């Protein structure tokens, strides 16, 4: 859907173009909500990637779909379904023991939960015929029609989640980097793991209501993965993750405004491009360092 008038187009004057975009209240709300969701997803996603729990994050993103579908079938607010299923799914994943680096048992059980609940989501859709028209919105999201009240709610939830993350952030980082040493030092690793998964479920539930099931996972994993390719310093990496998430969200909104294609496509594509560039740059930098260490005459 083209958000702009058919005669409107990119003028190559950033100030003029932004003034045109922000002349519409729904676009102002879209930028506000998108910015909040980007920051929340990037912060949670950075720890998620560091802890090698991307599959768990993907499962929680998928679980938001059957949650909303079930709530609609029952005739209650979809928000209750988002939070009930995402937080409930987080608690289910939390009780699964993490079995070493491979995590085979955890991945298998998490995948089982994901497949079952996704199937339930489509069952709920089939049982409530009138809901079929909203499936695309649930899966791919829509920044159109976001109200000021929704922006306020998502900001409050994000602020609370980020405050809790900041409180547990230091010990959580320690436990994420070396769980065995953290346990030996008396860090409550298990409690932190459960708390983080509940926070991740809460963040996913809130963000999915705006971004959709599939887009929220892109914002969770891609900016964080790209940032961690660029630097190993935690503070710098986290800051880069936030900046990348904001950049791809803003550019995605602008690109979607001036084209007939959905925002989810642009945000995901831009985030993927940043990751590819970061990964390529890291590979090239490593090759240059190896060349300098070996030297041109080392093999002679």
C-alpha atoms as a PDB file:
ATOM      1  CA  UNK A   1       0.000   0.000   0.000  1.00  0.00           C
ATOM      2  CA  UNK A   2       1.398   3.387  -0.961  1.00  0.00           C
ATOM      3  CA  UNK A   3       1.163   5.692   2.019  1.00  0.00           C
ATOM      4  CA  UNK A   4       1.852   8.856   0.089  1.00  0.00           C
ATOM      5  CA  UNK A   5      -0.192  10.586  -2.503  1.00  0.00           C
ATOM      6  CA  UNK A   6       0.405   9.214  -6.006  1.00  0.00           C
ATOM      7  CA  UNK A   7       1.959  12.475  -7.121  1.00  0.00           C
ATOM      8  CA  UNK A   8       4.312  12.652  -4.139  1.00  0.00           C
ATOM      9  CA  UNK A   9       7.854  11.482  -4.513  1.00  0.00           C
ATOM     10  CA  UNK A  10      11.316  11.654  -3.030  1.00  0.00           C
ATOM     11  CA  UNK A  11      12.713  15.149  -3.703  1.00  0.00           C
ATOM     12  CA  UNK A  12      16.314  14.419  -2.582  1.00  0.00           C
ATOM     13  CA  UNK A  13      15.950  17.227  -0.044  1.00  0.00           C
ATOM     14  CA  UNK A  14      15.938  15.391   3.320  1.00  0.00           C
ATOM     15  CA  UNK A  15      14.444  18.302   5.249  1.00  0.00           C
ATOM     16  CA  UNK A  16      11.572  18.754   2.794  1.00  0.00           C
ATOM     17  CA  UNK A  17      10.924  15.051   2.569  1.00  0.00           C
ATOM     18  CA  UNK A  18      10.820  14.583   6.346  1.00  0.00           C
ATOM     19  CA  UNK A  19       8.514  17.580   6.701  1.00  0.00           C
ATOM     20  CA  UNK A  20       6.199  15.986   4.141  1.00  0.00           C
ATOM     21  CA  UNK A  21       6.234  12.640   5.955  1.00  0.00           C
ATOM     22  CA  UNK A  22       5.720  14.126   9.410  1.00  0.00           C
ATOM     23  CA  UNK A  23       2.804  16.251   8.209  1.00  0.00           C
ATOM     24  CA  UNK A  24       0.662  13.145   8.745  1.00  0.00           C
ATOM     25  CA  UNK A  25      -0.127  12.262  12.380  1.00  0.00           C
ATOM     26  CA  UNK A  26      -0.095   8.523  11.621  1.00  0.00           C
ATOM     27  CA  UNK A  27       3.478   8.805  10.333  1.00  0.00           C
ATOM     28  CA  UNK A  28       4.551  10.749  13.430  1.00  0.00           C
ATOM     29  CA  UNK A  29       3.101   7.974  15.584  1.00  0.00           C
ATOM     30  CA  UNK A  30       4.733   5.369  13.351  1.00  0.00           C
ATOM     31  CA  UNK A  31       8.162   6.937  13.875  1.00  0.00           C
ATOM     32  CA  UNK A  32       7.591   7.237  17.622  1.00  0.00           C
ATOM     33  CA  UNK A  33       6.389   3.655  18.045  1.00  0.00           C
ATOM     34  CA  UNK A  34       9.005   2.343  15.635  1.00  0.00           C
ATOM     35  CA  UNK A  35      11.792   4.061  17.559  1.00  0.00           C
ATOM     36  CA  UNK A  36      10.627   2.658  20.895  1.00  0.00           C
ATOM     37  CA  UNK A  37      10.238  -0.851  19.484  1.00  0.00           C
ATOM     38  CA  UNK A  38      13.650  -0.646  17.786  1.00  0.00           C
ATOM     39  CA  UNK A  39      15.423   0.317  21.025  1.00  0.00           C
ATOM     40  CA  UNK A  40      13.623  -2.342  23.056  1.00  0.00           C
ATOM     41  CA  UNK A  41      14.207  -5.091  20.486  1.00  0.00           C
ATOM     42  CA  UNK A  42      17.865  -4.151  19.997  1.00  0.00           C
ATOM     43  CA  UNK A  43      18.631  -4.190  23.731  1.00  0.00           C
ATOM     44  CA  UNK A  44      16.862  -7.501  24.343  1.00  0.00           C
ATOM     45  CA  UNK A  45      18.216  -8.944  21.124  1.00  0.00           C
ATOM     46  CA  UNK A  46      21.805  -8.096  22.034  1.00  0.00           C
ATOM     47  CA  UNK A  47      21.632 -10.295  25.126  1.00  0.00           C
ATOM     48  CA  UNK A  48      19.634 -12.912  23.226  1.00  0.00           C
ATOM     49  CA  UNK A  49      22.336 -13.267  20.562  1.00  0.00           C
ATOM     50  CA  UNK A  50      25.113 -13.196  23.155  1.00  0.00           C
ATOM     51  CA  UNK A  51      23.404 -16.000  25.083  1.00  0.00           C
ATOM     52  CA  UNK A  52      22.872 -18.039  21.891  1.00  0.00           C
ATOM     53  CA  UNK A  53      19.107 -18.053  22.420  1.00  0.00           C
ATOM     54  CA  UNK A  54      18.039 -16.790  19.002  1.00  0.00           C
ATOM     55  CA  UNK A  55      15.886 -19.866  18.464  1.00  0.00           C
ATOM     56  CA  UNK A  56      14.073 -19.156  21.724  1.00  0.00           C
ATOM     57  CA  UNK A  57      13.516 -15.566  20.576  1.00  0.00           C
ATOM     58  CA  UNK A  58      12.161 -16.804  17.253  1.00  0.00           C
ATOM     59  CA  UNK A  59       9.779 -19.130  19.103  1.00  0.00           C
ATOM     60  CA  UNK A  60       8.460 -16.302  21.279  1.00  0.00           C
ATOM     61  CA  UNK A  61       7.924 -14.143  18.195  1.00  0.00           C
ATOM     62  CA  UNK A  62       5.978 -16.951  16.500  1.00  0.00           C
ATOM     63  CA  UNK A  63       3.965 -17.631  19.673  1.00  0.00           C
ATOM     64  CA  UNK A  64       2.542 -14.109  19.583  1.00  0.00           C
ATOM     65  CA  UNK A  65       0.506 -15.081  16.509  1.00  0.00           C
ATOM     66  CA  UNK A  66      -1.567 -17.873  18.118  1.00  0.00           C
ATOM     67  CA  UNK A  67      -1.870 -15.705  21.235  1.00  0.00           C
ATOM     68  CA  UNK A  68      -3.567 -12.895  19.347  1.00  0.00           C
ATOM     69  CA  UNK A  69      -5.667 -15.343  17.322  1.00  0.00           C
ATOM     70  CA  UNK A  70      -6.856 -17.141  20.472  1.00  0.00           C
ATOM     71  CA  UNK A  71      -7.777 -13.882  22.197  1.00  0.00           C
ATOM     72  CA  UNK A  72      -9.765 -12.762  19.169  1.00  0.00           C
ATOM     73  CA  UNK A  73     -11.553 -16.109  19.041  1.00  0.00           C
ATOM     74  CA  UNK A  74     -12.506 -15.714  22.718  1.00  0.00           C
ATOM     75  CA  UNK A  75     -13.757 -12.175  22.111  1.00  0.00           C
ATOM     76  CA  UNK A  76     -11.183 -10.392  24.302  1.00  0.00           C
ATOM     77  CA  UNK A  77      -8.461  -7.878  23.520  1.00  0.00           C
ATOM     78  CA  UNK A  78      -5.648  -9.281  21.388  1.00  0.00           C
ATOM     79  CA  UNK A  79      -3.164  -7.665  23.785  1.00  0.00           C
ATOM     80  CA  UNK A  80      -4.073 -10.206  26.468  1.00  0.00           C
ATOM     81  CA  UNK A  81      -3.338 -13.001  24.027  1.00  0.00           C
ATOM     82  CA  UNK A  82       0.022 -11.530  23.043  1.00  0.00           C
ATOM     83  CA  UNK A  83       1.217 -11.258  26.632  1.00  0.00           C
ATOM     84  CA  UNK A  84      -0.317 -14.515  27.884  1.00  0.00           C
ATOM     85  CA  UNK A  85       1.212 -16.649  25.146  1.00  0.00           C
ATOM     86  CA  UNK A  86       4.596 -14.881  24.919  1.00  0.00           C
ATOM     87  CA  UNK A  87       5.223 -14.771  28.666  1.00  0.00           C
ATOM     88  CA  UNK A  88       3.780 -18.270  29.067  1.00  0.00           C
ATOM     89  CA  UNK A  89       6.016 -19.513  26.258  1.00  0.00           C
ATOM     90  CA  UNK A  90       8.997 -17.848  27.927  1.00  0.00           C
ATOM     91  CA  UNK A  91       8.271 -19.676  31.183  1.00  0.00           C
ATOM     92  CA  UNK A  92       7.968 -23.002  29.333  1.00  0.00           C
ATOM     93  CA  UNK A  93      11.340 -22.425  27.649  1.00  0.00           C
ATOM     94  CA  UNK A  94      12.820 -21.352  30.996  1.00  0.00           C
ATOM     95  CA  UNK A  95      12.086 -24.720  32.627  1.00  0.00           C
ATOM     96  CA  UNK A  96      13.860 -26.590  29.827  1.00  0.00           C
ATOM     97  CA  UNK A  97      17.385 -27.466  31.024  1.00  0.00           C
ATOM     98  CA  UNK A  98      20.203 -25.988  28.961  1.00  0.00           C
ATOM     99  CA  UNK A  99      22.371 -28.961  28.058  1.00  0.00           C
ATOM    100  CA  UNK A 100      25.862 -27.686  27.323  1.00  0.00           C
ATOM    101  CA  UNK A 101      27.021 -25.685  24.321  1.00  0.00           C
ATOM    102  CA  UNK A 102      25.089 -27.732  21.828  1.00  0.00           C
ATOM    103  CA  UNK A 103      21.780 -27.269  23.562  1.00  0.00           C
ATOM    104  CA  UNK A 104      20.258 -30.149  21.610  1.00  0.00           C
ATOM    105  CA  UNK A 105      17.534 -30.919  24.149  1.00  0.00           C
ATOM    106  CA  UNK A 106      16.639 -27.274  24.580  1.00  0.00           C
ATOM    107  CA  UNK A 107      16.427 -26.684  20.816  1.00  0.00           C
ATOM    108  CA  UNK A 108      14.318 -29.793  20.217  1.00  0.00           C
ATOM    109  CA  UNK A 109      11.801 -29.005  22.963  1.00  0.00           C
ATOM    110  CA  UNK A 110      11.660 -25.336  22.010  1.00  0.00           C
ATOM    111  CA  UNK A 111      11.021 -26.275  18.397  1.00  0.00           C
ATOM    112  CA  UNK A 112       8.267 -28.653  19.482  1.00  0.00           C
ATOM    113  CA  UNK A 113       6.537 -25.887  21.447  1.00  0.00           C
ATOM    114  CA  UNK A 114       6.884 -23.525  18.496  1.00  0.00           C
ATOM    115  CA  UNK A 115       5.428 -25.949  15.938  1.00  0.00           C
ATOM    116  CA  UNK A 116       2.487 -26.905  18.158  1.00  0.00           C
ATOM    117  CA  UNK A 117       1.493 -23.338  19.022  1.00  0.00           C
ATOM    118  CA  UNK A 118       1.881 -22.142  15.424  1.00  0.00           C
ATOM    119  CA  UNK A 119      -0.484 -24.915  14.339  1.00  0.00           C
ATOM    120  CA  UNK A 120      -2.883 -23.828  17.102  1.00  0.00           C
ATOM    121  CA  UNK A 121      -2.774 -20.296  15.724  1.00  0.00           C
ATOM    122  CA  UNK A 122      -3.979 -21.394  12.307  1.00  0.00           C
ATOM    123  CA  UNK A 123      -6.646 -23.540  13.993  1.00  0.00           C
ATOM    124  CA  UNK A 124      -7.925 -20.477  15.868  1.00  0.00           C
ATOM    125  CA  UNK A 125      -8.008 -18.579  12.575  1.00  0.00           C
ATOM    126  CA  UNK A 126     -10.010 -21.379  10.951  1.00  0.00           C
ATOM    127  CA  UNK A 127     -12.468 -21.517  13.846  1.00  0.00           C
ATOM    128  CA  UNK A 128     -13.130 -17.793  13.690  1.00  0.00           C
ATOM    129  CA  UNK A 129     -13.839 -17.135  10.014  1.00  0.00           C
ATOM    130  CA  UNK A 130     -14.030 -13.394  10.314  1.00  0.00           C
ATOM    131  CA  UNK A 131     -10.435 -13.169  11.507  1.00  0.00           C
ATOM    132  CA  UNK A 132      -8.912 -14.348   8.210  1.00  0.00           C
ATOM    133  CA  UNK A 133      -8.567 -10.809   6.921  1.00  0.00           C
ATOM    134  CA  UNK A 134      -6.214  -9.928   9.776  1.00  0.00           C
ATOM    135  CA  UNK A 135      -3.673 -12.707   9.363  1.00  0.00           C
ATOM    136  CA  UNK A 136      -1.288 -10.615   7.245  1.00  0.00           C
ATOM    137  CA  UNK A 137      -1.375  -7.825   9.817  1.00  0.00           C
ATOM    138  CA  UNK A 138      -0.563 -10.275  12.617  1.00  0.00           C
ATOM    139  CA  UNK A 139       2.321 -11.849  10.736  1.00  0.00           C
ATOM    140  CA  UNK A 140       3.823  -8.826   9.008  1.00  0.00           C
ATOM    141  CA  UNK A 141       2.550  -5.934  11.093  1.00  0.00           C
ATOM    142  CA  UNK A 142       1.381  -2.497  10.108  1.00  0.00           C
ATOM    143  CA  UNK A 143       2.506   0.896  11.314  1.00  0.00           C
ATOM    144  CA  UNK A 144      -0.619   2.449   9.823  1.00  0.00           C
ATOM    145  CA  UNK A 145      -3.282   3.500  12.280  1.00  0.00           C
ATOM    146  CA  UNK A 146      -1.079   3.565  15.382  1.00  0.00           C
ATOM    147  CA  UNK A 147      -2.760   5.805  17.934  1.00  0.00           C
ATOM    148  CA  UNK A 148      -1.170   8.134  20.449  1.00  0.00           C
ATOM    149  CA  UNK A 149      -2.480   5.873  23.221  1.00  0.00           C
ATOM    150  CA  UNK A 150      -0.681   2.886  21.680  1.00  0.00           C
ATOM    151  CA  UNK A 151       2.537   4.885  21.498  1.00  0.00           C
ATOM    152  CA  UNK A 152       2.168   5.796  25.173  1.00  0.00           C
ATOM    153  CA  UNK A 153       1.513   2.195  26.222  1.00  0.00           C
ATOM    154  CA  UNK A 154       4.411   0.758  24.229  1.00  0.00           C
ATOM    155  CA  UNK A 155       6.706   3.452  25.646  1.00  0.00           C
ATOM    156  CA  UNK A 156       5.717   2.656  29.247  1.00  0.00           C
ATOM    157  CA  UNK A 157       6.135  -1.099  28.768  1.00  0.00           C
ATOM    158  CA  UNK A 158       9.473  -0.609  27.007  1.00  0.00           C
ATOM    159  CA  UNK A 159      10.721   1.736  29.726  1.00  0.00           C
ATOM    160  CA  UNK A 160       9.838  -0.741  32.486  1.00  0.00           C
ATOM    161  CA  UNK A 161      11.448  -3.631  30.621  1.00  0.00           C
ATOM    162  CA  UNK A 162      14.621  -1.632  29.954  1.00  0.00           C
ATOM    163  CA  UNK A 163      14.860  -0.538  33.605  1.00  0.00           C
ATOM    164  CA  UNK A 164      14.689  -4.160  34.748  1.00  0.00           C
ATOM    165  CA  UNK A 165      17.228  -5.148  32.083  1.00  0.00           C
ATOM    166  CA  UNK A 166      19.559  -2.386  33.283  1.00  0.00           C
ATOM    167  CA  UNK A 167      19.281  -3.637  36.882  1.00  0.00           C
ATOM    168  CA  UNK A 168      20.158  -7.240  35.980  1.00  0.00           C
ATOM    169  CA  UNK A 169      22.374  -6.347  33.035  1.00  0.00           C
ATOM    170  CA  UNK A 170      25.794  -6.651  34.667  1.00  0.00           C
ATOM    171  CA  UNK A 171      25.299 -10.080  36.308  1.00  0.00           C
ATOM    172  CA  UNK A 172      23.375 -11.235  33.221  1.00  0.00           C
ATOM    173  CA  UNK A 173      26.342 -10.307  31.041  1.00  0.00           C
ATOM    174  CA  UNK A 174      28.674 -12.223  33.349  1.00  0.00           C
ATOM    175  CA  UNK A 175      26.405 -15.284  33.286  1.00  0.00           C
ATOM    176  CA  UNK A 176      26.057 -15.054  29.500  1.00  0.00           C
ATOM    177  CA  UNK A 177      29.799 -14.922  28.843  1.00  0.00           C
ATOM    178  CA  UNK A 178      30.832 -17.707  31.258  1.00  0.00           C
ATOM    179  CA  UNK A 179      27.992 -19.471  33.023  1.00  0.00           C
ATOM    180  CA  UNK A 180      30.208 -21.866  35.004  1.00  0.00           C
ATOM    181  CA  UNK A 181      32.440 -19.152  36.438  1.00  0.00           C
ATOM    182  CA  UNK A 182      29.411 -16.998  37.233  1.00  0.00           C
ATOM    183  CA  UNK A 183      27.833 -19.909  39.109  1.00  0.00           C
ATOM    184  CA  UNK A 184      31.071 -20.415  41.057  1.00  0.00           C
ATOM    185  CA  UNK A 185      31.073 -16.748  42.025  1.00  0.00           C
ATOM    186  CA  UNK A 186      27.565 -17.039  43.477  1.00  0.00           C
ATOM    187  CA  UNK A 187      25.689 -15.349  40.640  1.00  0.00           C
ATOM    188  CA  UNK A 188      22.034 -16.610  40.539  1.00  0.00           C
ATOM    189  CA  UNK A 189      22.366 -17.858  36.969  1.00  0.00           C
ATOM    190  CA  UNK A 190      19.080 -19.756  36.888  1.00  0.00           C
ATOM    191  CA  UNK A 191      17.067 -16.845  38.261  1.00  0.00           C
ATOM    192  CA  UNK A 192      18.681 -14.458  35.774  1.00  0.00           C
ATOM    193  CA  UNK A 193      17.913 -16.823  32.907  1.00  0.00           C
ATOM    194  CA  UNK A 194      14.231 -17.016  33.839  1.00  0.00           C
ATOM    195  CA  UNK A 195      14.032 -13.245  34.381  1.00  0.00           C
ATOM    196  CA  UNK A 196      15.610 -12.539  31.013  1.00  0.00           C
ATOM    197  CA  UNK A 197      13.291 -14.918  29.158  1.00  0.00           C
ATOM    198  CA  UNK A 198      10.252 -13.322  30.809  1.00  0.00           C
ATOM    199  CA  UNK A 199      11.567  -9.887  29.797  1.00  0.00           C
ATOM    200  CA  UNK A 200      12.152 -11.164  26.268  1.00  0.00           C
ATOM    201  CA  UNK A 201       8.611 -12.542  26.158  1.00  0.00           C
ATOM    202  CA  UNK A 202       7.202  -9.242  27.414  1.00  0.00           C
ATOM    203  CA  UNK A 203       9.193  -7.241  24.874  1.00  0.00           C
ATOM    204  CA  UNK A 204       8.149  -9.573  22.064  1.00  0.00           C
ATOM    205  CA  UNK A 205       4.478  -9.376  23.050  1.00  0.00           C
ATOM    206  CA  UNK A 206       4.505  -5.597  23.098  1.00  0.00           C
ATOM    207  CA  UNK A 207       6.530  -5.156  19.900  1.00  0.00           C
ATOM    208  CA  UNK A 208       4.549  -7.770  17.941  1.00  0.00           C
ATOM    209  CA  UNK A 209       1.375  -5.734  18.310  1.00  0.00           C
ATOM    210  CA  UNK A 210       2.976  -3.083  16.102  1.00  0.00           C
ATOM    211  CA  UNK A 211       5.606  -4.849  14.027  1.00  0.00           C
ATOM    212  CA  UNK A 212       3.935  -8.229  13.560  1.00  0.00           C
ATOM    213  CA  UNK A 213       5.185 -11.706  14.398  1.00  0.00           C
ATOM    214  CA  UNK A 214       7.862 -11.942  11.716  1.00  0.00           C
ATOM    215  CA  UNK A 215       9.275  -8.412  11.775  1.00  0.00           C
ATOM    216  CA  UNK A 216       9.894  -8.356  15.523  1.00  0.00           C
ATOM    217  CA  UNK A 217      12.314 -11.272  15.212  1.00  0.00           C
ATOM    218  CA  UNK A 218      14.249  -9.439  12.490  1.00  0.00           C
ATOM    219  CA  UNK A 219      14.695  -6.488  14.850  1.00  0.00           C
ATOM    220  CA  UNK A 220      15.651  -8.798  17.702  1.00  0.00           C
ATOM    221  CA  UNK A 221      18.426 -10.688  15.946  1.00  0.00           C
ATOM    222  CA  UNK A 222      19.858  -8.773  12.967  1.00  0.00           C
ATOM    223  CA  UNK A 223      21.035  -5.472  14.533  1.00  0.00           C
ATOM    224  CA  UNK A 224      22.552  -7.347  17.495  1.00  0.00           C
ATOM    225  CA  UNK A 225      24.246  -9.917  15.266  1.00  0.00           C
ATOM    226  CA  UNK A 226      25.697  -7.175  13.045  1.00  0.00           C
ATOM    227  CA  UNK A 227      26.934  -5.160  16.032  1.00  0.00           C
ATOM    228  CA  UNK A 228      28.667  -8.181  17.557  1.00  0.00           C
ATOM    229  CA  UNK A 229      30.416  -8.771  14.238  1.00  0.00           C
ATOM    230  CA  UNK A 230      31.856  -5.259  14.359  1.00  0.00           C
ATOM    231  CA  UNK A 231      33.224  -5.222  17.912  1.00  0.00           C
ATOM    232  CA  UNK A 232      33.645  -7.489  20.920  1.00  0.00           C
ATOM    233  CA  UNK A 233      33.405  -4.652  23.443  1.00  0.00           C
ATOM    234  CA  UNK A 234      30.051  -5.028  25.224  1.00  0.00           C
ATOM    235  CA  UNK A 235      29.228  -1.340  25.662  1.00  0.00           C
ATOM    236  CA  UNK A 236      30.205  -0.393  22.122  1.00  0.00           C
ATOM    237  CA  UNK A 237      28.461  -3.424  20.666  1.00  0.00           C
ATOM    238  CA  UNK A 238      25.224  -2.688  22.524  1.00  0.00           C
ATOM    239  CA  UNK A 239      25.296   0.956  21.425  1.00  0.00           C
ATOM    240  CA  UNK A 240      25.863  -0.091  17.811  1.00  0.00           C
ATOM    241  CA  UNK A 241      22.953  -2.523  18.047  1.00  0.00           C
ATOM    242  CA  UNK A 242      20.658   0.307  19.146  1.00  0.00           C
ATOM    243  CA  UNK A 243      21.879   2.626  16.384  1.00  0.00           C
ATOM    244  CA  UNK A 244      21.502  -0.034  13.685  1.00  0.00           C
ATOM    245  CA  UNK A 245      17.982  -0.902  14.826  1.00  0.00           C
ATOM    246  CA  UNK A 246      16.943   2.744  14.790  1.00  0.00           C
ATOM    247  CA  UNK A 247      18.556   3.350  11.393  1.00  0.00           C
ATOM    248  CA  UNK A 248      16.907   0.395   9.660  1.00  0.00           C
ATOM    249  CA  UNK A 249      13.525   1.212  11.217  1.00  0.00           C
ATOM    250  CA  UNK A 250      13.629   4.864  10.153  1.00  0.00           C
ATOM    251  CA  UNK A 251      14.896   4.124   6.652  1.00  0.00           C
ATOM    252  CA  UNK A 252      12.314   1.340   6.361  1.00  0.00           C
ATOM    253  CA  UNK A 253       9.504   3.730   7.265  1.00  0.00           C
ATOM    254  CA  UNK A 254      10.725   6.320   4.761  1.00  0.00           C
ATOM    255  CA  UNK A 255      11.153   3.760   1.981  1.00  0.00           C
ATOM    256  CA  UNK A 256       7.701   2.274   2.633  1.00  0.00           C
ATOM    257  CA  UNK A 257       6.130   5.737   2.569  1.00  0.00           C
ATOM    258  CA  UNK A 258       7.446   6.359  -0.950  1.00  0.00           C
ATOM    259  CA  UNK A 259       6.687   2.899  -2.354  1.00  0.00           C
ATOM    260  CA  UNK A 260       3.830   0.383  -2.585  1.00  0.00           C
ATOM    261  CA  UNK A 261       5.715  -2.293  -0.654  1.00  0.00           C
ATOM    262  CA  UNK A 262       5.303  -3.167   3.068  1.00  0.00           C
ATOM    263  CA  UNK A 263       7.596  -1.827   5.758  1.00  0.00           C
ATOM    264  CA  UNK A 264       8.479  -5.316   6.947  1.00  0.00           C
ATOM    265  CA  UNK A 265      10.258  -6.027   3.682  1.00  0.00           C
ATOM    266  CA  UNK A 266      12.374  -2.888   3.916  1.00  0.00           C
ATOM    267  CA  UNK A 267      13.327  -3.168   7.577  1.00  0.00           C
ATOM    268  CA  UNK A 268      14.307  -6.815   7.202  1.00  0.00           C
ATOM    269  CA  UNK A 269      16.215  -6.188   3.967  1.00  0.00           C
ATOM    270  CA  UNK A 270      18.115  -3.193   5.353  1.00  0.00           C
ATOM    271  CA  UNK A 271      18.973  -5.065   8.560  1.00  0.00           C
ATOM    272  CA  UNK A 272      20.153  -8.074   6.560  1.00  0.00           C
ATOM    273  CA  UNK A 273      22.297  -5.822   4.350  1.00  0.00           C
ATOM    274  CA  UNK A 274      23.943  -4.278   7.418  1.00  0.00           C
ATOM    275  CA  UNK A 275      24.684  -7.750   8.790  1.00  0.00           C
ATOM    276  CA  UNK A 276      26.190  -8.920   5.484  1.00  0.00           C
ATOM    277  CA  UNK A 277      28.378  -5.816   5.319  1.00  0.00           C
ATOM    278  CA  UNK A 278      29.487  -6.255   8.932  1.00  0.00           C
ATOM    279  CA  UNK A 279      30.281  -9.939   8.394  1.00  0.00           C
ATOM    280  CA  UNK A 280      32.144  -9.214   5.153  1.00  0.00           C
ATOM    281  CA  UNK A 281      34.106  -6.400   6.763  1.00  0.00           C
ATOM    282  CA  UNK A 282      35.118  -8.630   9.662  1.00  0.00           C
ATOM    283  CA  UNK A 283      36.224 -11.396   7.286  1.00  0.00           C
ATOM    284  CA  UNK A 284      38.296  -8.995   5.185  1.00  0.00           C
ATOM    285  CA  UNK A 285      39.856  -7.417   8.282  1.00  0.00           C
ATOM    286  CA  UNK A 286      40.831 -10.858   9.584  1.00  0.00           C
ATOM    287  CA  UNK A 287      42.359 -11.750   6.210  1.00  0.00           C
ATOM    288  CA  UNK A 288      44.411  -8.532   6.213  1.00  0.00           C
ATOM    289  CA  UNK A 289      45.667  -9.219   9.743  1.00  0.00           C
ATOM    290  CA  UNK A 290      46.707 -12.756   8.801  1.00  0.00           C
ATOM    291  CA  UNK A 291      48.509 -11.444   5.740  1.00  0.00           C
ATOM    292  CA  UNK A 292      50.447  -8.921   7.821  1.00  0.00           C
ATOM    293  CA  UNK A 293      51.377 -11.540  10.422  1.00  0.00           C
ATOM    294  CA  UNK A 294      52.521 -14.101   7.862  1.00  0.00           C
ATOM    295  CA  UNK A 295      54.220 -11.582   5.588  1.00  0.00           C
ATOM    296  CA  UNK A 296      54.692 -11.778   1.828  1.00  0.00           C
ATOM    297  CA  UNK A 297      57.925 -13.752   2.063  1.00  0.00           C
ATOM    298  CA  UNK A 298      56.899 -16.221   4.772  1.00  0.00           C
ATOM    299  CA  UNK A 299      56.042 -18.968   2.288  1.00  0.00           C
ATOM    300  CA  UNK A 300      59.174 -18.493   0.165  1.00  0.00           C
END
